[in-house]
């Protein structure tokens, strides 16, 4: 994927509250309130560069590669957060998906504007006529989008009932 800088907008907020002078006429006495000004400023947030948000087609290609058991794990470590802690994590996810006969198809992508994206997915299980819908979370890391470690570990632990050093 080509890199495109997405800059988080910096926010500067200044508010001024001014009270104008007023007077009352209650038998010859008058009171005056002087104008008061207060200013609040929020410090500028640092600019953050994220990789470009991938298209549905790009995420489907990445997931197809991730779930392809013929692709060595070493060639897929850029697809899953935390894969350096357990290079076989991606193959455990792929094996669990293949064993369950799961077909995953990304249908939409939402930029959460915080270094994460959420992909809406349609999942079909072998032998089922009814697809189910869910989400896959991705995080920006090392100038690429990776399946979040939490999501990958959830599949490995809950679906495959396996353990991984990356999921501790």
C-alpha atoms as a PDB file:
ATOM      1  CA  UNK A   1       0.000   0.000   0.000  1.00  0.00           C
ATOM      2  CA  UNK A   2       1.155   3.500  -0.739  1.00  0.00           C
ATOM      3  CA  UNK A   3       1.618   5.642   2.304  1.00  0.00           C
ATOM      4  CA  UNK A   4      -0.553   8.694   2.685  1.00  0.00           C
ATOM      5  CA  UNK A   5      -0.185  10.984   5.599  1.00  0.00           C
ATOM      6  CA  UNK A   6      -3.274  11.487   7.645  1.00  0.00           C
ATOM      7  CA  UNK A   7      -2.661  14.301  10.060  1.00  0.00           C
ATOM      8  CA  UNK A   8      -4.686  14.497  13.191  1.00  0.00           C
ATOM      9  CA  UNK A   9      -6.029  18.019  13.306  1.00  0.00           C
ATOM     10  CA  UNK A  10      -4.723  20.154  16.129  1.00  0.00           C
ATOM     11  CA  UNK A  11      -7.277  21.841  18.251  1.00  0.00           C
ATOM     12  CA  UNK A  12      -6.942  25.280  19.788  1.00  0.00           C
ATOM     13  CA  UNK A  13      -9.913  26.529  21.730  1.00  0.00           C
ATOM     14  CA  UNK A  14     -10.180  30.063  23.110  1.00  0.00           C
ATOM     15  CA  UNK A  15     -13.272  31.332  24.909  1.00  0.00           C
ATOM     16  CA  UNK A  16     -13.837  34.829  26.232  1.00  0.00           C
ATOM     17  CA  UNK A  17     -16.611  35.689  28.579  1.00  0.00           C
ATOM     18  CA  UNK A  18     -17.300  39.353  28.936  1.00  0.00           C
ATOM     19  CA  UNK A  19     -19.774  40.894  31.305  1.00  0.00           C
ATOM     20  CA  UNK A  20     -20.825  44.410  30.420  1.00  0.00           C
ATOM     21  CA  UNK A  21     -21.287  47.168  32.926  1.00  0.00           C
ATOM     22  CA  UNK A  22     -24.732  47.593  34.332  1.00  0.00           C
ATOM     23  CA  UNK A  23     -26.329  50.067  36.669  1.00  0.00           C
ATOM     24  CA  UNK A  24     -29.417  50.182  38.791  1.00  0.00           C
ATOM     25  CA  UNK A  25     -31.377  53.185  39.925  1.00  0.00           C
ATOM     26  CA  UNK A  26     -32.587  52.488  43.459  1.00  0.00           C
ATOM     27  CA  UNK A  27     -32.864  55.867  45.164  1.00  0.00           C
ATOM     28  CA  UNK A  28     -29.745  57.569  43.919  1.00  0.00           C
ATOM     29  CA  UNK A  29     -27.207  54.789  44.354  1.00  0.00           C
ATOM     30  CA  UNK A  30     -25.677  53.046  41.457  1.00  0.00           C
ATOM     31  CA  UNK A  31     -23.549  49.975  41.174  1.00  0.00           C
ATOM     32  CA  UNK A  32     -21.266  49.024  38.392  1.00  0.00           C
ATOM     33  CA  UNK A  33     -19.798  45.671  37.509  1.00  0.00           C
ATOM     34  CA  UNK A  34     -16.557  45.850  35.616  1.00  0.00           C
ATOM     35  CA  UNK A  35     -15.930  43.777  32.547  1.00  0.00           C
ATOM     36  CA  UNK A  36     -14.069  40.549  33.154  1.00  0.00           C
ATOM     37  CA  UNK A  37     -12.356  38.480  30.523  1.00  0.00           C
ATOM     38  CA  UNK A  38     -11.117  34.924  30.826  1.00  0.00           C
ATOM     39  CA  UNK A  39      -9.372  32.906  28.170  1.00  0.00           C
ATOM     40  CA  UNK A  40      -8.914  29.149  28.029  1.00  0.00           C
ATOM     41  CA  UNK A  41      -6.511  27.591  25.570  1.00  0.00           C
ATOM     42  CA  UNK A  42      -6.097  23.903  24.852  1.00  0.00           C
ATOM     43  CA  UNK A  43      -2.601  22.826  23.910  1.00  0.00           C
ATOM     44  CA  UNK A  44      -2.203  21.680  20.332  1.00  0.00           C
ATOM     45  CA  UNK A  45      -2.276  17.919  19.863  1.00  0.00           C
ATOM     46  CA  UNK A  46       0.809  16.474  18.193  1.00  0.00           C
ATOM     47  CA  UNK A  47       0.455  15.557  14.546  1.00  0.00           C
ATOM     48  CA  UNK A  48       0.304  11.814  13.937  1.00  0.00           C
ATOM     49  CA  UNK A  49       0.927  10.083  10.643  1.00  0.00           C
ATOM     50  CA  UNK A  50      -1.047   6.939   9.880  1.00  0.00           C
ATOM     51  CA  UNK A  51      -0.890   4.816   6.770  1.00  0.00           C
ATOM     52  CA  UNK A  52      -3.692   5.422   4.290  1.00  0.00           C
ATOM     53  CA  UNK A  53      -6.961   3.769   5.198  1.00  0.00           C
ATOM     54  CA  UNK A  54      -7.143   0.621   3.080  1.00  0.00           C
ATOM     55  CA  UNK A  55      -9.982  -0.101   0.709  1.00  0.00           C
ATOM     56  CA  UNK A  56     -12.329  -3.048   1.097  1.00  0.00           C
ATOM     57  CA  UNK A  57     -10.447  -4.760  -1.746  1.00  0.00           C
ATOM     58  CA  UNK A  58      -7.052  -4.227  -0.080  1.00  0.00           C
ATOM     59  CA  UNK A  59      -8.275  -5.647   3.234  1.00  0.00           C
ATOM     60  CA  UNK A  60      -9.838  -8.645   1.488  1.00  0.00           C
ATOM     61  CA  UNK A  61      -6.494  -9.313  -0.246  1.00  0.00           C
ATOM     62  CA  UNK A  62      -4.634  -9.037   3.078  1.00  0.00           C
ATOM     63  CA  UNK A  63      -7.075 -11.383   4.825  1.00  0.00           C
ATOM     64  CA  UNK A  64      -6.850 -13.872   1.945  1.00  0.00           C
ATOM     65  CA  UNK A  65      -3.058 -13.881   2.318  1.00  0.00           C
ATOM     66  CA  UNK A  66      -3.345 -14.169   6.117  1.00  0.00           C
ATOM     67  CA  UNK A  67      -5.672 -17.176   5.887  1.00  0.00           C
ATOM     68  CA  UNK A  68      -3.661 -18.869   3.126  1.00  0.00           C
ATOM     69  CA  UNK A  69      -1.881 -21.756   4.843  1.00  0.00           C
ATOM     70  CA  UNK A  70       0.502 -22.140   1.889  1.00  0.00           C
ATOM     71  CA  UNK A  71       2.022 -18.707   2.617  1.00  0.00           C
ATOM     72  CA  UNK A  72       4.783 -19.083   5.245  1.00  0.00           C
ATOM     73  CA  UNK A  73       4.214 -17.315   8.558  1.00  0.00           C
ATOM     74  CA  UNK A  74       7.420 -15.309   8.070  1.00  0.00           C
ATOM     75  CA  UNK A  75       5.791 -13.665   5.050  1.00  0.00           C
ATOM     76  CA  UNK A  76       2.687 -12.729   7.049  1.00  0.00           C
ATOM     77  CA  UNK A  77       4.121 -11.131  10.180  1.00  0.00           C
ATOM     78  CA  UNK A  78       3.221  -7.692   8.845  1.00  0.00           C
ATOM     79  CA  UNK A  79      -0.465  -8.648   8.949  1.00  0.00           C
ATOM     80  CA  UNK A  80      -1.003  -9.166  12.695  1.00  0.00           C
ATOM     81  CA  UNK A  81      -0.062  -6.935  15.600  1.00  0.00           C
ATOM     82  CA  UNK A  82       2.258  -8.759  17.992  1.00  0.00           C
ATOM     83  CA  UNK A  83       3.358 -11.328  15.428  1.00  0.00           C
ATOM     84  CA  UNK A  84       6.986 -10.697  16.393  1.00  0.00           C
ATOM     85  CA  UNK A  85       6.181 -12.154  19.834  1.00  0.00           C
ATOM     86  CA  UNK A  86       4.894 -15.325  18.192  1.00  0.00           C
ATOM     87  CA  UNK A  87       5.515 -15.647  14.442  1.00  0.00           C
ATOM     88  CA  UNK A  88       3.172 -18.654  14.336  1.00  0.00           C
ATOM     89  CA  UNK A  89       0.235 -16.613  15.673  1.00  0.00           C
ATOM     90  CA  UNK A  90      -1.014 -15.783  12.185  1.00  0.00           C
ATOM     91  CA  UNK A  91      -0.895 -19.434  11.144  1.00  0.00           C
ATOM     92  CA  UNK A  92      -2.820 -20.421  14.278  1.00  0.00           C
ATOM     93  CA  UNK A  93      -5.491 -17.880  13.318  1.00  0.00           C
ATOM     94  CA  UNK A  94      -5.473 -19.162   9.732  1.00  0.00           C
ATOM     95  CA  UNK A  95      -5.645 -22.789  10.835  1.00  0.00           C
ATOM     96  CA  UNK A  96      -8.529 -22.081  13.203  1.00  0.00           C
ATOM     97  CA  UNK A  97     -10.441 -20.290  10.442  1.00  0.00           C
ATOM     98  CA  UNK A  98      -9.733 -23.059   7.943  1.00  0.00           C
ATOM     99  CA  UNK A  99     -10.673 -25.810  10.418  1.00  0.00           C
ATOM    100  CA  UNK A 100     -13.986 -24.083  11.089  1.00  0.00           C
ATOM    101  CA  UNK A 101     -14.579 -23.545   7.379  1.00  0.00           C
ATOM    102  CA  UNK A 102     -14.848 -19.796   7.849  1.00  0.00           C
ATOM    103  CA  UNK A 103     -14.900 -17.524   4.825  1.00  0.00           C
ATOM    104  CA  UNK A 104     -14.433 -13.849   5.659  1.00  0.00           C
ATOM    105  CA  UNK A 105     -15.392 -11.041   3.308  1.00  0.00           C
ATOM    106  CA  UNK A 106     -14.792  -7.382   4.216  1.00  0.00           C
ATOM    107  CA  UNK A 107     -17.816  -5.288   3.278  1.00  0.00           C
ATOM    108  CA  UNK A 108     -16.875  -1.857   4.664  1.00  0.00           C
ATOM    109  CA  UNK A 109     -14.097   0.036   6.399  1.00  0.00           C
ATOM    110  CA  UNK A 110     -14.493   2.705   9.077  1.00  0.00           C
ATOM    111  CA  UNK A 111     -11.638   5.003  10.018  1.00  0.00           C
ATOM    112  CA  UNK A 112     -11.853   5.569  13.772  1.00  0.00           C
ATOM    113  CA  UNK A 113      -9.416   8.486  13.364  1.00  0.00           C
ATOM    114  CA  UNK A 114      -7.249   7.299  16.253  1.00  0.00           C
ATOM    115  CA  UNK A 115      -4.873   4.879  14.557  1.00  0.00           C
ATOM    116  CA  UNK A 116      -7.472   2.136  14.343  1.00  0.00           C
ATOM    117  CA  UNK A 117      -9.961   1.050  11.726  1.00  0.00           C
ATOM    118  CA  UNK A 118     -12.909  -1.269  11.989  1.00  0.00           C
ATOM    119  CA  UNK A 119     -13.798  -3.495   9.069  1.00  0.00           C
ATOM    120  CA  UNK A 120     -17.338  -4.746   8.779  1.00  0.00           C
ATOM    121  CA  UNK A 121     -17.197  -8.375   7.675  1.00  0.00           C
ATOM    122  CA  UNK A 122     -19.551 -11.019   6.448  1.00  0.00           C
ATOM    123  CA  UNK A 123     -18.579 -14.485   7.643  1.00  0.00           C
ATOM    124  CA  UNK A 124     -19.827 -17.700   6.166  1.00  0.00           C
ATOM    125  CA  UNK A 125     -19.350 -20.996   7.991  1.00  0.00           C
ATOM    126  CA  UNK A 126     -19.106 -24.214   6.044  1.00  0.00           C
ATOM    127  CA  UNK A 127     -22.486 -25.935   6.007  1.00  0.00           C
ATOM    128  CA  UNK A 128     -24.442 -22.828   7.009  1.00  0.00           C
ATOM    129  CA  UNK A 129     -26.822 -21.008   4.704  1.00  0.00           C
ATOM    130  CA  UNK A 130     -26.943 -17.953   6.947  1.00  0.00           C
ATOM    131  CA  UNK A 131     -23.928 -15.643   6.933  1.00  0.00           C
ATOM    132  CA  UNK A 132     -23.093 -13.812  10.106  1.00  0.00           C
ATOM    133  CA  UNK A 133     -21.839 -10.276  10.365  1.00  0.00           C
ATOM    134  CA  UNK A 134     -19.164  -8.890  12.606  1.00  0.00           C
ATOM    135  CA  UNK A 135     -16.161  -6.646  12.739  1.00  0.00           C
ATOM    136  CA  UNK A 136     -12.407  -7.032  12.579  1.00  0.00           C
ATOM    137  CA  UNK A 137     -10.261  -4.451  14.316  1.00  0.00           C
ATOM    138  CA  UNK A 138      -7.039  -3.202  12.738  1.00  0.00           C
ATOM    139  CA  UNK A 139      -4.312  -0.988  14.190  1.00  0.00           C
ATOM    140  CA  UNK A 140      -1.754   1.218  12.482  1.00  0.00           C
ATOM    141  CA  UNK A 141       1.713  -0.091  13.254  1.00  0.00           C
ATOM    142  CA  UNK A 142       4.996   0.169  11.362  1.00  0.00           C
ATOM    143  CA  UNK A 143       3.350   2.139   8.529  1.00  0.00           C
ATOM    144  CA  UNK A 144       0.803  -0.591   7.826  1.00  0.00           C
ATOM    145  CA  UNK A 145      -2.589  -1.786   9.041  1.00  0.00           C
ATOM    146  CA  UNK A 146      -2.500  -4.987  11.075  1.00  0.00           C
ATOM    147  CA  UNK A 147      -5.218  -7.175  12.536  1.00  0.00           C
ATOM    148  CA  UNK A 148      -5.266  -6.178  16.202  1.00  0.00           C
ATOM    149  CA  UNK A 149      -3.589  -8.530  18.616  1.00  0.00           C
ATOM    150  CA  UNK A 150      -6.746  -8.584  20.759  1.00  0.00           C
ATOM    151  CA  UNK A 151      -8.815  -9.773  17.804  1.00  0.00           C
ATOM    152  CA  UNK A 152      -6.273 -12.400  16.700  1.00  0.00           C
ATOM    153  CA  UNK A 153      -5.872 -13.689  20.250  1.00  0.00           C
ATOM    154  CA  UNK A 154      -9.628 -13.887  20.678  1.00  0.00           C
ATOM    155  CA  UNK A 155      -9.791 -16.218  17.681  1.00  0.00           C
ATOM    156  CA  UNK A 156      -6.857 -18.324  18.855  1.00  0.00           C
ATOM    157  CA  UNK A 157      -8.010 -18.618  22.471  1.00  0.00           C
ATOM    158  CA  UNK A 158     -11.805 -18.739  22.107  1.00  0.00           C
ATOM    159  CA  UNK A 159     -12.341 -20.400  18.756  1.00  0.00           C
ATOM    160  CA  UNK A 160      -9.290 -22.632  18.441  1.00  0.00           C
ATOM    161  CA  UNK A 161      -8.742 -23.032  22.192  1.00  0.00           C
ATOM    162  CA  UNK A 162      -4.989 -22.631  21.730  1.00  0.00           C
ATOM    163  CA  UNK A 163      -2.377 -20.565  23.537  1.00  0.00           C
ATOM    164  CA  UNK A 164       0.196 -18.149  22.159  1.00  0.00           C
ATOM    165  CA  UNK A 165       3.006 -16.217  23.854  1.00  0.00           C
ATOM    166  CA  UNK A 166       1.642 -13.132  22.075  1.00  0.00           C
ATOM    167  CA  UNK A 167      -1.702 -13.546  23.859  1.00  0.00           C
ATOM    168  CA  UNK A 168      -0.462 -13.507  27.430  1.00  0.00           C
END
